[in-house]
Amino acid sequence: MDDLTTRFVGQLLKFDSASISEDVRVLAKRHLLDLFGAMLAASSVRYPIGDILLKFVEQEGGSPRASVVGRSRKTSVTNAALTNGTFAYYCDIEPHHPEAVLHAPAAVVPAVLAVGEAAGAKGESFLTAVILGIDVACRLSLALDPRALYARGFHPTAVAGVFGAMAGAGKLLELDAGQWVNAVGLAGLETGGLLAWASDPTEHSRPFNVGLAAHRGASAAILASLGFGGPREVLSGKANVFDAFSGVLRAEHLILGRDSRFAVAELATKLYACCAFLHPGLDALLKLLHDGNITVHDIDWIDLHFPRSGASIIDGNSLRSHCAQYVLPVAALYREVRIDHILFDQRQNPEISRLYTRVRVIHDQELDQGYPRFYSSIVVLKLKNGEVLDLRVDIPKGHPANPLTPEELQAKYLKLAGVACSSDQAALIESRTMNIDHLEDVKLLGDALRLS
């Protein structure tokens, strides 16, 4: 077994709740609540993806051991992880890690919840497993270098998310040293995830990538717990994940909870249902419009300066959620970006159609200095009267350096949850989430998330 795997497995074995401060626990619970709001909204019958997934679950069958969020049924552990993981990334408004460029909770939490329900895990163990899984996913993405993953056409959330889901599930299953080695190896075999979803206008395969990460991570941990073997040198042996997916190994990032810092405390909250790269630009655009009392009818054109290394993701992307030319006009008209604006094409509106061809993305090398730690953006707005306005935003609202207040986060959660459930149900989910470490059985959380 290679030294890197030995050290990594040693960290997984030693990770325990005693090293997690109360402040980190509170942040973790808030991000859980934020994620559950996104999952509930995605499960709504107003969107076709839920019914398709439920038909798949019904056809596949399996022992009903874990809840499907926002629906009335239980299914197998891996099918629940797949379905809930897909829900978690569907609305594109769930927590994410800016520097690691991935949506770790969306891959990790569905796997841990499904395994936890089936195992009858205590809420305290569930919370610890979630924090571990998020840490693993984020640190691995940083070790791989998300910029290198994107350059090769891989989705960081899908690649690193499998390892995070495996780690969280493995923690609940109390894997021993040998089982951890096998679980890490199996996660390496199962990981993957192309950015090819950019050519799918249904927005189904984009979140499915993350559902697969949850499914595969849970599978790796479960198989290892049953004695299934796996490759022992998947991190730095022959044909390892770093060589395969990025060609980069930044091993210094593979330190979990370094200096009592946990990745869950570095997550950002999204206010707009679209690619996180667009959020600083959206903050800038909306502030310019608000401060100048400007309407969409006043705008002649919009330039968005974005770090060159990431600009291609949002410049003319055929997927509306990742297309600056689409999202910025939507925000200019509606003063927000909701998932309905993404799923249901708004270009029949003449103002959005007009501005769609008048948004330019400037691939700005000078902004590359802080990327991907920051998605620094400059919006230049030219008005029909000839006036030109500009504003730079480095840290958008919701970033850990510019966080939402607890009241703002709760309001976001209630708005999202209200798409799928009653206010009483939303309140019950909130209560059980914010008190998760006191629940005797995580099934109580699953019961609340599973709507009748």
Protein backbone atom coordinates (compact mmCIF):
# COMPACT_ATOMS: atom_id res chain seq x y z
CA MET A 1 0.00 0.00 0.00
CA ASP A 2 1.38 3.45 -0.91
CA ASP A 3 2.30 6.00 1.76
CA LEU A 4 -0.36 8.49 0.65
CA THR A 5 -3.16 5.95 1.11
CA THR A 6 -1.70 4.91 4.49
CA ARG A 7 -1.70 8.50 5.72
CA PHE A 8 -5.15 9.23 4.32
CA VAL A 9 -6.72 6.13 5.86
CA GLY A 10 -5.04 6.99 9.16
CA GLN A 11 -6.84 10.33 9.14
CA LEU A 12 -10.18 8.67 8.39
CA LEU A 13 -9.69 6.28 11.31
CA LYS A 14 -8.78 9.03 13.77
CA PHE A 15 -11.51 11.51 12.78
CA ASP A 16 -13.99 11.95 15.62
CA SER A 17 -16.53 14.43 16.95
CA ALA A 18 -14.25 15.60 19.78
CA SER A 19 -12.19 17.65 17.33
CA ILE A 20 -15.22 19.57 16.03
CA SER A 21 -15.99 22.87 17.76
CA GLU A 22 -19.48 24.05 18.54
CA ASP A 23 -19.15 26.88 16.02
CA VAL A 24 -18.40 24.36 13.26
CA ARG A 25 -21.36 22.21 14.34
CA VAL A 26 -23.71 25.18 14.10
CA LEU A 27 -22.43 26.07 10.63
CA ALA A 28 -22.81 22.45 9.53
CA LYS A 29 -26.43 22.38 10.68
CA ARG A 30 -27.18 25.64 8.87
CA HIS A 31 -25.73 24.26 5.65
CA LEU A 32 -27.75 21.08 6.12
CA LEU A 33 -30.90 23.16 6.38
CA ASP A 34 -29.93 25.12 3.29
CA LEU A 35 -29.36 21.89 1.38
CA PHE A 36 -32.66 20.39 2.50
CA GLY A 37 -34.48 23.46 1.23
CA ALA A 38 -32.89 22.96 -2.19
CA MET A 39 -33.73 19.24 -2.18
CA LEU A 40 -37.34 19.83 -1.19
CA ALA A 41 -37.83 22.41 -3.92
CA ALA A 42 -36.32 20.02 -6.48
CA SER A 43 -38.68 17.23 -5.41
CA SER A 44 -41.77 19.29 -6.27
CA VAL A 45 -44.20 17.71 -8.73
CA ARG A 46 -43.99 20.91 -10.79
CA TYR A 47 -40.66 19.64 -12.13
CA PRO A 48 -40.63 16.45 -14.23
CA ILE A 49 -37.33 15.07 -12.96
CA GLY A 50 -38.85 13.80 -9.70
CA ASP A 51 -41.48 11.65 -11.36
CA ILE A 52 -38.90 10.16 -13.70
CA LEU A 53 -36.64 9.26 -10.80
CA LEU A 54 -39.54 7.78 -8.85
CA LYS A 55 -40.47 5.57 -11.81
CA PHE A 56 -36.87 4.39 -11.94
CA VAL A 57 -36.88 3.66 -8.20
CA GLU A 58 -40.13 1.72 -8.48
CA GLN A 59 -38.88 -0.33 -11.41
CA GLU A 60 -35.60 -1.12 -9.65
CA GLY A 61 -37.37 -2.20 -6.46
CA GLY A 62 -35.26 -3.12 -3.44
CA SER A 63 -35.80 -3.11 0.30
CA PRO A 64 -37.38 0.19 1.48
CA ARG A 65 -34.73 1.32 3.94
CA ALA A 66 -34.15 5.01 3.17
CA SER A 67 -36.33 8.02 2.43
CA VAL A 68 -36.83 9.80 -0.87
CA VAL A 69 -36.86 13.49 0.07
CA GLY A 70 -40.09 15.32 -0.67
CA ARG A 71 -41.97 12.16 -1.64
CA SER A 72 -43.91 9.55 0.31
CA ARG A 73 -41.83 6.45 -0.23
CA LYS A 74 -38.70 4.71 0.94
CA THR A 75 -36.35 2.77 -1.32
CA SER A 76 -33.00 1.02 -1.17
CA VAL A 77 -30.02 2.82 0.31
CA THR A 78 -28.21 3.32 -2.99
CA ASN A 79 -31.35 4.33 -4.89
CA ALA A 80 -32.16 6.89 -2.18
CA ALA A 81 -28.63 8.27 -2.43
CA LEU A 82 -28.94 8.49 -6.23
CA THR A 83 -32.35 10.19 -6.17
CA ASN A 84 -31.67 12.59 -3.31
CA GLY A 85 -28.22 13.44 -4.69
CA THR A 86 -29.84 14.38 -7.99
CA PHE A 87 -32.41 16.50 -6.16
CA ALA A 88 -29.62 18.17 -4.16
CA TYR A 89 -27.98 19.69 -7.24
CA TYR A 90 -31.06 20.17 -9.42
CA CYS A 91 -31.94 23.73 -8.39
CA ASP A 92 -28.27 24.80 -8.38
CA ILE A 93 -28.86 26.77 -5.19
CA GLU A 94 -27.26 24.46 -2.60
CA PRO A 95 -24.09 25.14 -0.53
CA HIS A 96 -20.76 24.98 -2.35
CA HIS A 97 -17.05 25.39 -1.64
CA PRO A 98 -15.76 28.31 -3.75
CA GLU A 99 -12.05 27.47 -3.79
CA ALA A 100 -12.53 23.73 -4.34
CA VAL A 101 -15.19 24.54 -6.95
CA LEU A 102 -17.58 21.84 -5.87
CA HIS A 103 -20.94 21.24 -4.24
CA ALA A 104 -19.75 18.79 -1.59
CA PRO A 105 -22.92 18.62 0.56
CA ALA A 106 -25.02 17.66 -2.47
CA ALA A 107 -22.95 14.50 -2.95
CA VAL A 108 -22.17 13.70 0.68
CA VAL A 109 -25.39 14.30 2.61
CA PRO A 110 -27.69 12.07 0.50
CA ALA A 111 -25.26 9.14 0.90
CA VAL A 112 -24.84 9.67 4.65
CA LEU A 113 -28.57 10.14 5.20
CA ALA A 114 -29.45 6.94 3.35
CA VAL A 115 -26.81 4.86 5.12
CA GLY A 116 -27.70 6.48 8.45
CA GLU A 117 -31.39 5.69 8.12
CA ALA A 118 -30.69 2.06 7.25
CA ALA A 119 -28.22 1.69 10.12
CA GLY A 120 -30.37 3.48 12.70
CA ALA A 121 -27.51 5.90 13.36
CA LYS A 122 -27.67 8.53 16.07
CA GLY A 123 -27.98 12.14 14.96
CA GLU A 124 -24.62 13.00 16.51
CA SER A 125 -22.91 10.31 14.42
CA PHE A 126 -24.73 11.55 11.32
CA LEU A 127 -23.49 15.12 11.84
CA THR A 128 -19.90 13.96 12.38
CA ALA A 129 -20.06 11.81 9.24
CA VAL A 130 -21.38 14.73 7.18
CA ILE A 131 -18.58 17.01 8.38
CA LEU A 132 -15.99 14.33 7.57
CA GLY A 133 -17.44 13.63 4.12
CA ILE A 134 -17.52 17.30 3.17
CA ASP A 135 -13.93 17.71 4.36
CA VAL A 136 -12.75 14.75 2.28
CA ALA A 137 -14.54 15.92 -0.87
CA CYS A 138 -13.24 19.48 -0.63
CA ARG A 139 -9.66 18.57 0.30
CA LEU A 140 -9.47 15.99 -2.49
CA SER A 141 -10.75 18.48 -5.06
CA LEU A 142 -8.09 20.96 -3.93
CA ALA A 143 -5.44 18.22 -4.11
CA LEU A 144 -6.54 17.37 -7.66
CA ASP A 145 -6.72 21.11 -8.53
CA PRO A 146 -10.23 21.92 -9.78
CA ARG A 147 -8.80 24.07 -12.56
CA ALA A 148 -6.99 21.03 -13.95
CA LEU A 149 -10.15 18.93 -13.65
CA TYR A 150 -12.16 21.49 -15.61
CA ALA A 151 -9.41 21.73 -18.23
CA ARG A 152 -9.72 17.97 -18.83
CA GLY A 153 -13.52 18.07 -18.98
CA PHE A 154 -14.21 16.61 -15.53
CA HIS A 155 -16.74 17.83 -12.96
CA PRO A 156 -15.01 18.33 -9.56
CA THR A 157 -18.21 17.63 -7.60
CA ALA A 158 -18.65 14.31 -9.35
CA VAL A 159 -15.00 13.24 -9.08
CA ALA A 160 -14.22 14.31 -5.51
CA GLY A 161 -17.82 13.85 -4.38
CA VAL A 162 -17.57 10.06 -4.63
CA PHE A 163 -14.74 10.06 -2.09
CA GLY A 164 -16.64 12.41 0.21
CA ALA A 165 -19.78 10.29 0.06
CA MET A 166 -17.69 7.16 0.69
CA ALA A 167 -15.98 8.74 3.71
CA GLY A 168 -19.22 9.93 5.30
CA ALA A 169 -20.94 6.59 4.73
CA GLY A 170 -17.87 4.67 5.89
CA LYS A 171 -17.75 6.66 9.11
CA LEU A 172 -21.32 5.62 9.96
CA LEU A 173 -20.52 2.02 9.08
CA GLU A 174 -17.51 2.13 11.44
CA LEU A 175 -15.07 0.68 8.92
CA ASP A 176 -11.83 -0.76 10.26
CA ALA A 177 -8.41 0.00 8.76
CA GLY A 178 -8.55 -2.72 6.13
CA GLN A 179 -12.10 -1.85 5.15
CA TRP A 180 -11.15 1.82 4.82
CA VAL A 181 -8.35 0.89 2.41
CA ASN A 182 -10.79 -1.09 0.31
CA ALA A 183 -13.42 1.68 0.45
CA VAL A 184 -10.91 4.29 -0.76
CA GLY A 185 -9.86 1.96 -3.57
CA LEU A 186 -13.42 1.24 -4.60
CA ALA A 187 -14.25 4.95 -4.56
CA GLY A 188 -11.33 5.48 -6.92
CA LEU A 189 -12.67 2.83 -9.28
CA GLU A 190 -16.17 4.29 -9.22
CA THR A 191 -15.34 7.97 -9.51
CA GLY A 192 -15.82 10.02 -12.67
CA GLY A 193 -18.11 12.61 -14.12
CA LEU A 194 -17.82 14.45 -17.41
CA LEU A 195 -18.83 18.04 -17.96
CA ALA A 196 -20.68 16.79 -21.03
CA TRP A 197 -23.96 17.66 -19.29
CA ALA A 198 -23.51 21.15 -20.70
CA SER A 199 -25.11 19.86 -23.90
CA ASP A 200 -28.26 18.59 -22.12
CA PRO A 201 -30.95 21.31 -22.21
CA THR A 202 -33.25 19.32 -19.87
CA GLU A 203 -30.88 20.05 -16.95
CA HIS A 204 -31.29 16.38 -15.94
CA SER A 205 -27.78 15.04 -16.47
CA ARG A 206 -26.13 17.97 -14.65
CA PRO A 207 -27.58 17.01 -11.23
CA PHE A 208 -27.50 13.30 -12.13
CA ASN A 209 -23.70 13.55 -12.08
CA VAL A 210 -23.93 14.40 -8.38
CA GLY A 211 -26.56 11.76 -7.72
CA LEU A 212 -24.15 9.22 -9.18
CA ALA A 213 -21.41 10.47 -6.83
CA ALA A 214 -23.68 9.90 -3.81
CA HIS A 215 -24.74 6.48 -5.11
CA ARG A 216 -21.20 5.33 -5.89
CA GLY A 217 -19.73 6.62 -2.65
CA ALA A 218 -22.38 4.83 -0.61
CA SER A 219 -21.82 1.66 -2.65
CA ALA A 220 -18.06 1.76 -2.08
CA ALA A 221 -18.48 2.07 1.70
CA ILE A 222 -21.17 -0.61 1.93
CA LEU A 223 -19.23 -3.09 -0.18
CA ALA A 224 -16.08 -2.51 1.86
CA SER A 225 -18.04 -3.05 5.09
CA LEU A 226 -19.15 -6.45 3.72
CA GLY A 227 -15.60 -7.54 2.97
CA PHE A 228 -15.35 -6.58 -0.69
CA GLY A 229 -11.78 -5.84 -1.78
CA GLY A 230 -10.45 -2.82 -3.61
CA PRO A 231 -7.19 -1.53 -5.11
CA ARG A 232 -4.71 -0.53 -2.42
CA GLU A 233 -2.83 2.20 -4.27
CA VAL A 234 -5.54 4.25 -5.92
CA LEU A 235 -4.15 7.56 -4.64
CA SER A 236 -0.52 7.28 -5.76
CA GLY A 237 0.07 3.87 -7.32
CA LYS A 238 -0.11 2.91 -10.95
CA ALA A 239 -3.10 4.46 -12.76
CA ASN A 240 -4.01 6.56 -9.70
CA VAL A 241 -6.82 9.12 -9.62
CA PHE A 242 -4.50 12.14 -9.77
CA ASP A 243 -2.77 10.97 -12.93
CA ALA A 244 -6.07 9.92 -14.46
CA PHE A 245 -8.23 12.96 -13.76
CA SER A 246 -6.02 16.03 -13.44
CA GLY A 247 -2.34 15.19 -13.85
CA VAL A 248 -1.81 17.14 -10.62
CA LEU A 249 -1.14 16.03 -7.04
CA ARG A 250 -1.12 18.75 -4.39
CA ALA A 251 -0.74 16.38 -1.43
CA GLU A 252 -0.51 19.20 1.09
CA HIS A 253 -4.27 19.68 0.73
CA LEU A 254 -5.03 16.12 1.87
CA ILE A 255 -5.03 17.05 5.55
CA LEU A 256 -8.45 16.70 7.18
CA GLY A 257 -9.55 19.30 9.71
CA ARG A 258 -6.12 20.97 9.48
CA ASP A 259 -5.59 23.32 12.46
CA SER A 260 -9.20 22.61 13.48
CA ARG A 261 -10.36 24.12 10.19
CA PHE A 262 -13.10 22.17 8.50
CA ALA A 263 -14.31 22.59 4.95
CA VAL A 264 -17.92 22.82 6.12
CA ALA A 265 -17.02 26.19 7.67
CA GLU A 266 -15.69 27.36 4.30
CA LEU A 267 -18.91 26.73 2.37
CA ALA A 268 -20.83 29.49 0.61
CA THR A 269 -24.60 29.96 0.44
CA LYS A 270 -26.12 30.66 -2.96
CA LEU A 271 -28.76 33.33 -3.49
CA TYR A 272 -29.24 32.66 -7.20
CA ALA A 273 -30.23 29.38 -8.90
CA CYS A 274 -27.34 29.25 -11.33
CA CYS A 275 -23.62 28.58 -11.60
CA ALA A 276 -21.70 30.05 -8.65
CA PHE A 277 -19.25 31.69 -11.06
CA LEU A 278 -22.02 34.15 -11.94
CA HIS A 279 -22.87 35.23 -8.39
CA PRO A 280 -20.34 38.07 -7.93
CA GLY A 281 -21.38 39.49 -11.29
CA LEU A 282 -25.05 39.22 -10.34
CA ASP A 283 -24.43 41.05 -7.08
CA ALA A 284 -22.64 43.80 -9.02
CA LEU A 285 -25.34 44.06 -11.69
CA LEU A 286 -28.23 44.20 -9.23
CA LYS A 287 -26.51 46.81 -7.08
CA LEU A 288 -25.87 49.02 -10.11
CA LEU A 289 -29.52 48.71 -11.14
CA HIS A 290 -30.80 49.37 -7.64
CA ASP A 291 -28.52 52.32 -6.88
CA GLY A 292 -29.15 53.97 -10.23
CA ASN A 293 -32.87 53.21 -10.36
CA ILE A 294 -32.20 51.51 -13.70
CA THR A 295 -34.59 49.13 -15.44
CA VAL A 296 -33.86 46.44 -17.98
CA HIS A 297 -35.25 48.75 -20.69
CA ASP A 298 -32.46 51.28 -19.97
CA ILE A 299 -29.62 48.83 -20.67
CA ASP A 300 -27.79 48.88 -24.00
CA TRP A 301 -25.15 46.22 -23.27
CA ILE A 302 -23.40 44.41 -20.41
CA ASP A 303 -19.76 43.34 -20.14
CA LEU A 304 -18.79 40.78 -17.52
CA HIS A 305 -15.09 40.53 -16.73
CA PHE A 306 -14.28 37.13 -15.21
CA PRO A 307 -11.03 35.23 -14.43
CA ARG A 308 -9.71 33.78 -17.66
CA SER A 309 -9.22 30.29 -16.19
CA GLY A 310 -12.94 29.88 -15.52
CA ALA A 311 -14.58 32.16 -18.07
CA SER A 312 -15.21 29.48 -20.69
CA ILE A 313 -17.64 27.74 -18.31
CA ILE A 314 -20.05 30.70 -18.35
CA ASP A 315 -19.35 32.24 -21.76
CA GLY A 316 -21.98 31.13 -24.26
CA ASN A 317 -22.64 27.84 -22.48
CA SER A 318 -25.60 26.11 -24.10
CA LEU A 319 -26.89 25.30 -20.62
CA ARG A 320 -28.92 28.26 -19.39
CA SER A 321 -27.85 27.85 -15.74
CA HIS A 322 -24.21 28.34 -16.76
CA CYS A 323 -24.65 30.99 -19.44
CA ALA A 324 -23.84 34.61 -18.60
CA GLN A 325 -25.58 35.79 -21.77
CA TYR A 326 -28.82 34.28 -20.45
CA VAL A 327 -28.56 34.69 -16.66
CA LEU A 328 -27.59 38.37 -16.54
CA PRO A 329 -30.58 39.54 -18.65
CA VAL A 330 -32.89 37.34 -16.54
CA ALA A 331 -31.60 39.01 -13.39
CA ALA A 332 -31.90 42.46 -14.95
CA LEU A 333 -35.58 41.84 -15.67
CA TYR A 334 -36.70 39.91 -12.58
CA ARG A 335 -34.12 41.17 -10.03
CA GLU A 336 -33.57 37.52 -9.01
CA VAL A 337 -32.71 34.17 -10.56
CA ARG A 338 -34.99 31.27 -9.59
CA ILE A 339 -34.87 27.72 -10.84
CA ASP A 340 -38.05 28.34 -12.85
CA HIS A 341 -36.19 31.03 -14.78
CA ILE A 342 -33.60 28.40 -15.70
CA LEU A 343 -35.81 25.41 -16.45
CA PHE A 344 -38.36 27.39 -18.44
CA ASP A 345 -36.71 29.43 -21.18
CA GLN A 346 -37.37 33.14 -20.69
CA ARG A 347 -36.12 34.25 -24.10
CA GLN A 348 -39.66 34.70 -25.34
CA ASN A 349 -39.51 37.95 -23.37
CA PRO A 350 -38.35 40.61 -25.84
CA GLU A 351 -36.00 42.33 -23.37
CA ILE A 352 -34.23 39.10 -22.42
CA SER A 353 -34.02 38.14 -26.09
CA ARG A 354 -32.56 41.56 -26.93
CA LEU A 355 -29.94 41.54 -24.19
CA TYR A 356 -28.98 37.91 -24.81
CA THR A 357 -26.92 39.11 -27.77
CA ARG A 358 -25.61 42.16 -25.90
CA VAL A 359 -23.76 40.44 -23.05
CA ARG A 360 -20.05 39.86 -23.47
CA VAL A 361 -17.81 37.82 -21.19
CA ILE A 362 -14.30 39.24 -21.03
CA HIS A 363 -11.74 36.53 -20.22
CA ASP A 364 -9.69 38.68 -17.85
CA GLN A 365 -6.16 37.53 -17.09
CA GLU A 366 -5.73 40.15 -14.35
CA LEU A 367 -8.59 38.60 -12.36
CA ASP A 368 -6.90 35.19 -12.48
CA GLN A 369 -4.69 36.03 -9.50
CA GLY A 370 -7.33 35.20 -6.90
CA TYR A 371 -9.08 32.39 -8.81
CA PRO A 372 -10.45 29.92 -7.77
CA ARG A 373 -10.38 31.19 -4.20
CA PHE A 374 -12.44 34.15 -5.38
CA TYR A 375 -14.58 34.54 -8.51
CA SER A 376 -13.74 38.23 -8.84
CA SER A 377 -16.03 39.89 -11.39
CA ILE A 378 -16.40 43.34 -12.92
CA VAL A 379 -19.68 44.35 -14.51
CA VAL A 380 -19.60 47.21 -17.02
CA LEU A 381 -23.04 48.50 -17.84
CA LYS A 382 -23.67 50.77 -20.81
CA LEU A 383 -27.04 52.51 -20.83
CA LYS A 384 -29.00 53.65 -23.84
CA ASN A 385 -28.39 57.27 -22.82
CA GLY A 386 -24.64 56.72 -23.24
CA GLU A 387 -23.81 56.53 -19.54
CA VAL A 388 -21.34 53.78 -18.55
CA LEU A 389 -21.30 52.32 -15.04
CA ASP A 390 -19.05 49.65 -13.57
CA LEU A 391 -18.67 47.75 -10.32
CA ARG A 392 -16.27 45.07 -9.10
CA VAL A 393 -17.33 42.37 -6.64
CA ASP A 394 -14.81 39.92 -5.24
CA ILE A 395 -16.88 38.42 -2.44
CA PRO A 396 -20.61 37.93 -3.13
CA LYS A 397 -23.29 37.78 -0.48
CA GLY A 398 -23.35 34.27 0.96
CA HIS A 399 -19.58 33.71 0.72
CA PRO A 400 -18.08 32.65 4.10
CA ALA A 401 -16.35 36.04 4.19
CA ASN A 402 -19.72 37.76 3.57
CA PRO A 403 -22.23 35.34 5.10
CA LEU A 404 -25.99 35.43 5.33
CA THR A 405 -27.42 36.10 8.76
CA PRO A 406 -29.27 33.18 10.40
CA GLU A 407 -32.51 35.03 9.68
CA GLU A 408 -31.65 35.43 5.99
CA LEU A 409 -30.73 31.76 5.74
CA GLN A 410 -33.98 30.71 7.40
CA ALA A 411 -35.98 32.90 5.03
CA LYS A 412 -34.25 31.27 2.05
CA TYR A 413 -34.95 27.80 3.44
CA LEU A 414 -38.62 28.50 4.07
CA LYS A 415 -39.08 29.91 0.57
CA LEU A 416 -37.52 26.83 -1.02
CA ALA A 417 -39.20 24.30 1.25
CA GLY A 418 -42.54 25.98 0.66
CA VAL A 419 -42.44 24.86 -2.97
CA ALA A 420 -42.98 21.27 -1.83
CA CYS A 421 -44.36 21.16 1.71
CA SER A 422 -46.55 22.91 4.27
CA SER A 423 -45.22 25.46 6.73
CA ASP A 424 -45.74 22.98 9.58
CA GLN A 425 -43.71 20.33 7.77
CA ALA A 426 -40.98 22.85 6.97
CA ALA A 427 -40.84 23.85 10.64
CA LEU A 428 -40.54 20.20 11.72
CA ILE A 429 -37.66 19.61 9.28
CA GLU A 430 -35.94 22.77 10.52
CA SER A 431 -36.30 21.73 14.16
CA ARG A 432 -34.91 18.24 13.59
CA THR A 433 -32.06 19.56 11.47
CA MET A 434 -30.96 22.24 13.90
CA ASN A 435 -31.16 19.70 16.75
CA ILE A 436 -29.75 16.79 14.76
CA ASP A 437 -27.01 16.05 17.31
CA HIS A 438 -29.69 15.33 19.92
CA LEU A 439 -31.76 12.90 17.81
CA GLU A 440 -31.58 9.30 18.96
CA ASP A 441 -32.17 8.00 15.44
CA VAL A 442 -31.58 9.78 12.12
CA LYS A 443 -34.70 8.00 10.86
CA LEU A 444 -36.60 10.83 12.57
CA LEU A 445 -34.99 13.27 10.17
CA GLY A 446 -35.71 11.02 7.21
CA ASP A 447 -39.35 10.72 8.31
CA ALA A 448 -39.68 14.52 8.36
CA LEU A 449 -38.10 14.89 4.92
CA ARG A 450 -40.32 12.17 3.47
CA LEU A 451 -43.64 13.91 2.79
CA SER A 452 -46.97 12.14 2.87
